[in-house]
Amino acid sequence: MKAYWTEETQKTVTSVPELQAVIDEVKKLQEPTMLFLEHDDGRMLVLGLGYPESVLTFVEHDGRSFHSIGDTSRTGVLKFWCREQLDDFMAEMALPESIAVAAAELFVEQGSMPSNVTWEADW
């Protein structure tokens, strides 16, 4: 599976320890940044790193997409660098970063939508 956070930065991840090394590298940027994990079959998990909270997006191989659901009464936005531009993400999507990292580990191990997150379809 590919892991990337900029157009120029791409790593191969085949295990949880390799994923953790990539997460550590992204966190060293000291800027909240979206990490893209792309499975060979086209499924993708995107998670925010660098804040106490994270947001996640999951894309199926057929293009259907979903986003994480946290506290739906929250308003406002969280800002993460996403492919070299600062993007806004709805605060209602926010979950603790530790849950997002656990979801990424599940994705690396299973290649499917992580079951530890509540998801809402984008369409």
N, C-alpha and C. Protein backbone atom coordinates (compact mmCIF):
# COMPACT_ATOMS: atom_id res chain seq x y z
N MET A 1 0.83 -1.16 0.00
CA MET A 1 0.00 0.00 0.00
C MET A 1 0.88 1.23 0.00
N LYS A 2 0.39 2.28 -0.65
CA LYS A 2 1.13 3.55 -0.72
C LYS A 2 0.70 4.45 0.42
N ALA A 3 1.65 5.17 0.95
CA ALA A 3 1.38 6.21 1.94
C ALA A 3 2.01 7.49 1.42
N TYR A 4 1.24 8.58 1.40
CA TYR A 4 1.79 9.85 0.94
C TYR A 4 1.07 11.01 1.60
N TRP A 5 1.75 12.15 1.64
CA TRP A 5 1.18 13.36 2.22
C TRP A 5 1.52 14.58 1.39
N THR A 6 2.40 14.45 0.42
CA THR A 6 2.64 15.49 -0.59
C THR A 6 2.77 14.78 -1.93
N GLU A 7 2.85 15.55 -2.97
CA GLU A 7 3.01 14.96 -4.31
C GLU A 7 4.36 14.26 -4.44
N GLU A 8 5.37 14.77 -3.72
CA GLU A 8 6.72 14.23 -3.85
C GLU A 8 7.05 13.14 -2.83
N THR A 9 6.27 13.05 -1.77
CA THR A 9 6.61 12.15 -0.67
C THR A 9 5.71 10.93 -0.68
N GLN A 10 6.28 9.78 -1.02
CA GLN A 10 5.52 8.54 -1.06
C GLN A 10 6.36 7.42 -0.45
N LYS A 11 5.72 6.62 0.37
CA LYS A 11 6.35 5.47 1.01
C LYS A 11 5.50 4.24 0.74
N THR A 12 6.12 3.07 0.86
CA THR A 12 5.37 1.81 0.81
C THR A 12 5.19 1.32 2.24
N VAL A 13 3.95 0.93 2.54
CA VAL A 13 3.61 0.44 3.88
C VAL A 13 3.01 -0.95 3.72
N THR A 14 3.64 -1.93 4.38
CA THR A 14 3.12 -3.30 4.33
C THR A 14 2.84 -3.87 5.72
N SER A 15 3.12 -3.07 6.76
CA SER A 15 2.94 -3.56 8.13
C SER A 15 2.65 -2.39 9.06
N VAL A 16 2.15 -2.71 10.24
CA VAL A 16 1.88 -1.67 11.24
C VAL A 16 3.16 -0.95 11.66
N PRO A 17 4.30 -1.64 11.88
CA PRO A 17 5.52 -0.90 12.21
C PRO A 17 5.94 0.08 11.09
N GLU A 18 5.78 -0.30 9.83
CA GLU A 18 6.10 0.62 8.74
C GLU A 18 5.13 1.81 8.76
N LEU A 19 3.86 1.55 9.05
CA LEU A 19 2.89 2.63 9.17
C LEU A 19 3.29 3.58 10.29
N GLN A 20 3.68 3.05 11.43
CA GLN A 20 4.05 3.89 12.56
C GLN A 20 5.26 4.77 12.21
N ALA A 21 6.20 4.24 11.44
CA ALA A 21 7.35 5.03 11.02
C ALA A 21 6.90 6.20 10.13
N VAL A 22 5.93 5.95 9.24
CA VAL A 22 5.40 7.02 8.39
C VAL A 22 4.67 8.04 9.24
N ILE A 23 3.85 7.59 10.18
CA ILE A 23 3.12 8.51 11.06
C ILE A 23 4.11 9.40 11.82
N ASP A 24 5.16 8.79 12.34
CA ASP A 24 6.19 9.57 13.05
C ASP A 24 6.81 10.62 12.13
N GLU A 25 7.07 10.25 10.89
CA GLU A 25 7.66 11.19 9.93
C GLU A 25 6.73 12.36 9.65
N VAL A 26 5.44 12.07 9.48
CA VAL A 26 4.46 13.13 9.23
C VAL A 26 4.35 14.05 10.45
N LYS A 27 4.34 13.48 11.63
CA LYS A 27 4.22 14.30 12.85
C LYS A 27 5.43 15.20 13.05
N LYS A 28 6.58 14.81 12.55
CA LYS A 28 7.77 15.65 12.66
C LYS A 28 7.65 16.95 11.86
N LEU A 29 6.70 17.01 10.94
CA LEU A 29 6.47 18.23 10.18
C LEU A 29 5.99 19.36 11.09
N GLN A 30 5.41 19.01 12.21
CA GLN A 30 4.87 19.96 13.18
C GLN A 30 3.82 20.87 12.57
N GLU A 31 3.12 20.36 11.59
CA GLU A 31 1.98 21.02 10.97
C GLU A 31 0.89 19.97 10.83
N PRO A 32 -0.34 20.25 11.24
CA PRO A 32 -1.41 19.27 11.05
C PRO A 32 -1.52 18.90 9.57
N THR A 33 -1.39 17.61 9.28
CA THR A 33 -1.25 17.14 7.89
C THR A 33 -2.10 15.91 7.66
N MET A 34 -2.71 15.82 6.48
CA MET A 34 -3.50 14.65 6.09
C MET A 34 -2.56 13.60 5.47
N LEU A 35 -2.68 12.38 5.96
CA LEU A 35 -1.91 11.25 5.45
C LEU A 35 -2.84 10.37 4.63
N PHE A 36 -2.44 10.07 3.40
CA PHE A 36 -3.21 9.23 2.49
C PHE A 36 -2.62 7.82 2.50
N LEU A 37 -3.47 6.83 2.73
CA LEU A 37 -3.08 5.42 2.67
C LEU A 37 -3.90 4.79 1.56
N GLU A 38 -3.23 4.35 0.50
CA GLU A 38 -3.93 3.82 -0.68
C GLU A 38 -3.58 2.36 -0.88
N HIS A 39 -4.61 1.52 -0.75
CA HIS A 39 -4.47 0.07 -0.94
C HIS A 39 -4.30 -0.23 -2.42
N ASP A 40 -3.71 -1.37 -2.72
CA ASP A 40 -3.50 -1.77 -4.12
C ASP A 40 -4.79 -1.88 -4.91
N ASP A 41 -5.92 -2.17 -4.23
CA ASP A 41 -7.20 -2.32 -4.94
C ASP A 41 -7.94 -0.99 -5.11
N GLY A 42 -7.32 0.12 -4.69
CA GLY A 42 -7.91 1.44 -4.86
C GLY A 42 -8.60 1.99 -3.63
N ARG A 43 -8.85 1.16 -2.63
CA ARG A 43 -9.43 1.69 -1.40
C ARG A 43 -8.44 2.65 -0.76
N MET A 44 -9.00 3.68 -0.09
CA MET A 44 -8.12 4.68 0.49
C MET A 44 -8.66 5.13 1.84
N LEU A 45 -7.74 5.32 2.78
CA LEU A 45 -8.04 5.92 4.06
C LEU A 45 -7.18 7.17 4.18
N VAL A 46 -7.81 8.28 4.56
CA VAL A 46 -7.10 9.54 4.74
C VAL A 46 -7.36 9.99 6.17
N LEU A 47 -6.29 10.32 6.89
CA LEU A 47 -6.44 10.73 8.27
C LEU A 47 -5.56 11.92 8.58
N GLY A 48 -6.07 12.76 9.46
CA GLY A 48 -5.31 13.92 9.89
C GLY A 48 -4.40 13.59 11.05
N LEU A 49 -3.19 14.07 10.99
CA LEU A 49 -2.19 13.87 12.05
C LEU A 49 -1.64 15.22 12.49
N GLY A 50 -1.26 15.31 13.76
CA GLY A 50 -0.60 16.51 14.24
C GLY A 50 -1.43 17.37 15.17
N TYR A 51 -2.67 17.01 15.41
CA TYR A 51 -3.54 17.64 16.41
C TYR A 51 -3.92 16.56 17.42
N PRO A 52 -4.43 16.95 18.57
CA PRO A 52 -5.00 15.95 19.48
C PRO A 52 -6.21 15.25 18.85
N GLU A 53 -6.86 15.94 17.89
CA GLU A 53 -8.01 15.38 17.18
C GLU A 53 -7.66 15.14 15.72
N SER A 54 -8.43 14.25 15.12
CA SER A 54 -8.21 13.91 13.71
C SER A 54 -9.55 13.88 12.99
N VAL A 55 -9.50 13.91 11.69
CA VAL A 55 -10.65 13.66 10.83
C VAL A 55 -10.24 12.57 9.86
N LEU A 56 -11.21 11.78 9.41
CA LEU A 56 -10.90 10.68 8.50
C LEU A 56 -11.87 10.66 7.33
N THR A 57 -11.36 10.18 6.22
CA THR A 57 -12.16 9.90 5.04
C THR A 57 -11.80 8.51 4.56
N PHE A 58 -12.80 7.76 4.11
CA PHE A 58 -12.57 6.44 3.54
C PHE A 58 -13.20 6.42 2.16
N VAL A 59 -12.46 5.89 1.18
CA VAL A 59 -12.96 5.80 -0.19
C VAL A 59 -12.89 4.33 -0.62
N GLU A 60 -14.04 3.80 -1.06
CA GLU A 60 -14.11 2.44 -1.58
C GLU A 60 -13.47 2.37 -2.95
N HIS A 61 -13.15 1.16 -3.41
CA HIS A 61 -12.51 1.00 -4.73
C HIS A 61 -13.41 1.48 -5.86
N ASP A 62 -14.75 1.56 -5.62
CA ASP A 62 -15.66 2.04 -6.66
C ASP A 62 -15.90 3.55 -6.59
N GLY A 63 -15.20 4.24 -5.67
CA GLY A 63 -15.30 5.69 -5.58
C GLY A 63 -16.26 6.21 -4.51
N ARG A 64 -17.09 5.34 -3.91
CA ARG A 64 -17.97 5.80 -2.84
C ARG A 64 -17.11 6.29 -1.67
N SER A 65 -17.50 7.42 -1.10
CA SER A 65 -16.67 7.97 -0.02
C SER A 65 -17.50 8.20 1.24
N PHE A 66 -16.79 8.19 2.36
CA PHE A 66 -17.38 8.31 3.69
C PHE A 66 -16.47 9.20 4.54
N HIS A 67 -17.06 9.83 5.55
CA HIS A 67 -16.25 10.62 6.48
C HIS A 67 -16.59 10.21 7.91
N SER A 68 -15.64 10.46 8.80
CA SER A 68 -15.82 10.12 10.21
C SER A 68 -16.87 11.03 10.85
N ILE A 69 -17.53 10.47 11.86
CA ILE A 69 -18.51 11.23 12.62
C ILE A 69 -18.07 11.25 14.08
N GLY A 70 -17.93 12.43 14.61
CA GLY A 70 -17.62 12.62 16.02
C GLY A 70 -18.84 13.19 16.72
N ASP A 71 -18.68 14.36 17.30
CA ASP A 71 -19.76 15.05 18.00
C ASP A 71 -20.50 15.92 16.99
N THR A 72 -21.69 15.50 16.58
CA THR A 72 -22.42 16.20 15.52
C THR A 72 -22.97 17.55 15.98
N SER A 73 -22.88 17.87 17.27
CA SER A 73 -23.33 19.18 17.72
C SER A 73 -22.22 20.23 17.61
N ARG A 74 -20.99 19.79 17.29
CA ARG A 74 -19.88 20.74 17.16
C ARG A 74 -20.02 21.57 15.90
N THR A 75 -19.55 22.79 15.99
CA THR A 75 -19.48 23.65 14.81
C THR A 75 -18.03 24.07 14.63
N GLY A 76 -17.77 24.72 13.55
CA GLY A 76 -16.42 25.19 13.28
C GLY A 76 -15.64 24.22 12.41
N VAL A 77 -14.37 24.51 12.27
CA VAL A 77 -13.52 23.72 11.39
C VAL A 77 -12.19 23.42 12.05
N LEU A 78 -11.55 22.37 11.59
CA LEU A 78 -10.16 22.06 11.89
C LEU A 78 -9.39 22.25 10.60
N LYS A 79 -8.18 22.74 10.68
CA LYS A 79 -7.37 22.98 9.48
C LYS A 79 -6.23 21.97 9.43
N PHE A 80 -6.09 21.32 8.29
CA PHE A 80 -5.00 20.38 8.04
C PHE A 80 -4.40 20.70 6.67
N TRP A 81 -3.09 20.53 6.56
CA TRP A 81 -2.45 20.58 5.25
C TRP A 81 -2.87 19.32 4.49
N CYS A 82 -3.38 19.51 3.31
CA CYS A 82 -3.87 18.40 2.50
C CYS A 82 -3.33 18.58 1.09
N ARG A 83 -2.38 17.72 0.72
CA ARG A 83 -1.73 17.81 -0.59
C ARG A 83 -1.23 19.22 -0.85
N GLU A 84 -0.50 19.72 0.13
CA GLU A 84 0.23 20.98 0.01
C GLU A 84 -0.64 22.23 -0.01
N GLN A 85 -1.88 22.12 0.49
CA GLN A 85 -2.69 23.32 0.69
C GLN A 85 -3.45 23.16 2.00
N LEU A 86 -3.71 24.25 2.67
CA LEU A 86 -4.41 24.24 3.94
C LEU A 86 -5.90 24.13 3.67
N ASP A 87 -6.53 23.06 4.17
CA ASP A 87 -7.96 22.82 3.95
C ASP A 87 -8.71 22.81 5.27
N ASP A 88 -9.99 23.17 5.19
CA ASP A 88 -10.89 23.14 6.34
C ASP A 88 -11.65 21.83 6.36
N PHE A 89 -11.81 21.28 7.56
CA PHE A 89 -12.59 20.06 7.77
C PHE A 89 -13.58 20.35 8.90
N MET A 90 -14.81 19.90 8.74
CA MET A 90 -15.85 20.16 9.73
C MET A 90 -15.47 19.55 11.09
N ALA A 91 -15.61 20.35 12.14
CA ALA A 91 -15.27 19.89 13.49
C ALA A 91 -16.13 18.70 13.91
N GLU A 92 -17.33 18.57 13.37
CA GLU A 92 -18.18 17.43 13.74
C GLU A 92 -17.59 16.09 13.28
N MET A 93 -16.59 16.12 12.41
CA MET A 93 -15.91 14.90 11.96
C MET A 93 -14.83 14.44 12.95
N ALA A 94 -14.47 15.30 13.90
CA ALA A 94 -13.29 15.09 14.73
C ALA A 94 -13.44 13.92 15.72
N LEU A 95 -12.37 13.16 15.80
CA LEU A 95 -12.21 12.06 16.75
C LEU A 95 -10.83 12.20 17.38
N PRO A 96 -10.60 11.59 18.54
CA PRO A 96 -9.24 11.61 19.08
C PRO A 96 -8.25 11.03 18.07
N GLU A 97 -7.07 11.64 17.99
CA GLU A 97 -6.06 11.16 17.05
C GLU A 97 -5.73 9.69 17.28
N SER A 98 -5.76 9.23 18.52
CA SER A 98 -5.46 7.82 18.81
C SER A 98 -6.44 6.87 18.12
N ILE A 99 -7.70 7.28 17.99
CA ILE A 99 -8.69 6.44 17.28
C ILE A 99 -8.36 6.43 15.80
N ALA A 100 -7.96 7.56 15.26
CA ALA A 100 -7.59 7.62 13.83
C ALA A 100 -6.39 6.74 13.53
N VAL A 101 -5.40 6.76 14.42
CA VAL A 101 -4.21 5.92 14.22
C VAL A 101 -4.60 4.44 14.31
N ALA A 102 -5.47 4.09 15.25
CA ALA A 102 -5.94 2.71 15.35
C ALA A 102 -6.70 2.31 14.08
N ALA A 103 -7.47 3.23 13.51
CA ALA A 103 -8.17 2.95 12.25
C ALA A 103 -7.17 2.70 11.12
N ALA A 104 -6.10 3.48 11.08
CA ALA A 104 -5.08 3.29 10.06
C ALA A 104 -4.42 1.92 10.21
N GLU A 105 -4.17 1.52 11.44
CA GLU A 105 -3.58 0.19 11.67
C GLU A 105 -4.52 -0.90 11.18
N LEU A 106 -5.82 -0.77 11.46
CA LEU A 106 -6.79 -1.75 10.97
C LEU A 106 -6.80 -1.79 9.44
N PHE A 107 -6.72 -0.60 8.82
CA PHE A 107 -6.72 -0.54 7.36
C PHE A 107 -5.50 -1.23 6.78
N VAL A 108 -4.35 -1.02 7.38
CA VAL A 108 -3.14 -1.69 6.90
C VAL A 108 -3.26 -3.20 7.06
N GLU A 109 -3.81 -3.64 8.17
CA GLU A 109 -3.93 -5.09 8.43
C GLU A 109 -5.02 -5.75 7.58
N GLN A 110 -6.16 -5.07 7.37
CA GLN A 110 -7.32 -5.71 6.75
C GLN A 110 -7.65 -5.19 5.36
N GLY A 111 -7.26 -3.97 5.03
CA GLY A 111 -7.53 -3.41 3.72
C GLY A 111 -8.98 -2.99 3.51
N SER A 112 -9.77 -2.93 4.59
CA SER A 112 -11.18 -2.58 4.46
C SER A 112 -11.51 -1.40 5.38
N MET A 113 -12.76 -0.94 5.31
CA MET A 113 -13.20 0.19 6.12
C MET A 113 -13.02 -0.14 7.60
N PRO A 114 -12.27 0.67 8.33
CA PRO A 114 -12.04 0.39 9.75
C PRO A 114 -13.34 0.40 10.55
N SER A 115 -13.50 -0.60 11.38
CA SER A 115 -14.74 -0.77 12.14
C SER A 115 -14.75 0.02 13.46
N ASN A 116 -13.66 0.66 13.81
CA ASN A 116 -13.61 1.40 15.08
C ASN A 116 -14.07 2.85 14.94
N VAL A 117 -14.55 3.22 13.75
CA VAL A 117 -14.98 4.59 13.46
C VAL A 117 -16.43 4.54 13.00
N THR A 118 -17.23 5.54 13.42
CA THR A 118 -18.57 5.71 12.87
C THR A 118 -18.44 6.52 11.60
N TRP A 119 -19.00 5.99 10.50
CA TRP A 119 -18.86 6.60 9.18
C TRP A 119 -20.20 7.13 8.69
N GLU A 120 -20.14 8.18 7.88
CA GLU A 120 -21.31 8.71 7.20
C GLU A 120 -20.97 8.83 5.71
N ALA A 121 -21.87 8.36 4.87
CA ALA A 121 -21.65 8.44 3.42
C ALA A 121 -21.66 9.89 2.96
N ASP A 122 -20.79 10.20 2.01
CA ASP A 122 -20.72 11.55 1.47
C ASP A 122 -21.81 11.82 0.43
N TRP A 123 -22.38 10.80 -0.14
CA TRP A 123 -23.38 11.00 -1.20
C TRP A 123 -24.74 10.57 -0.77
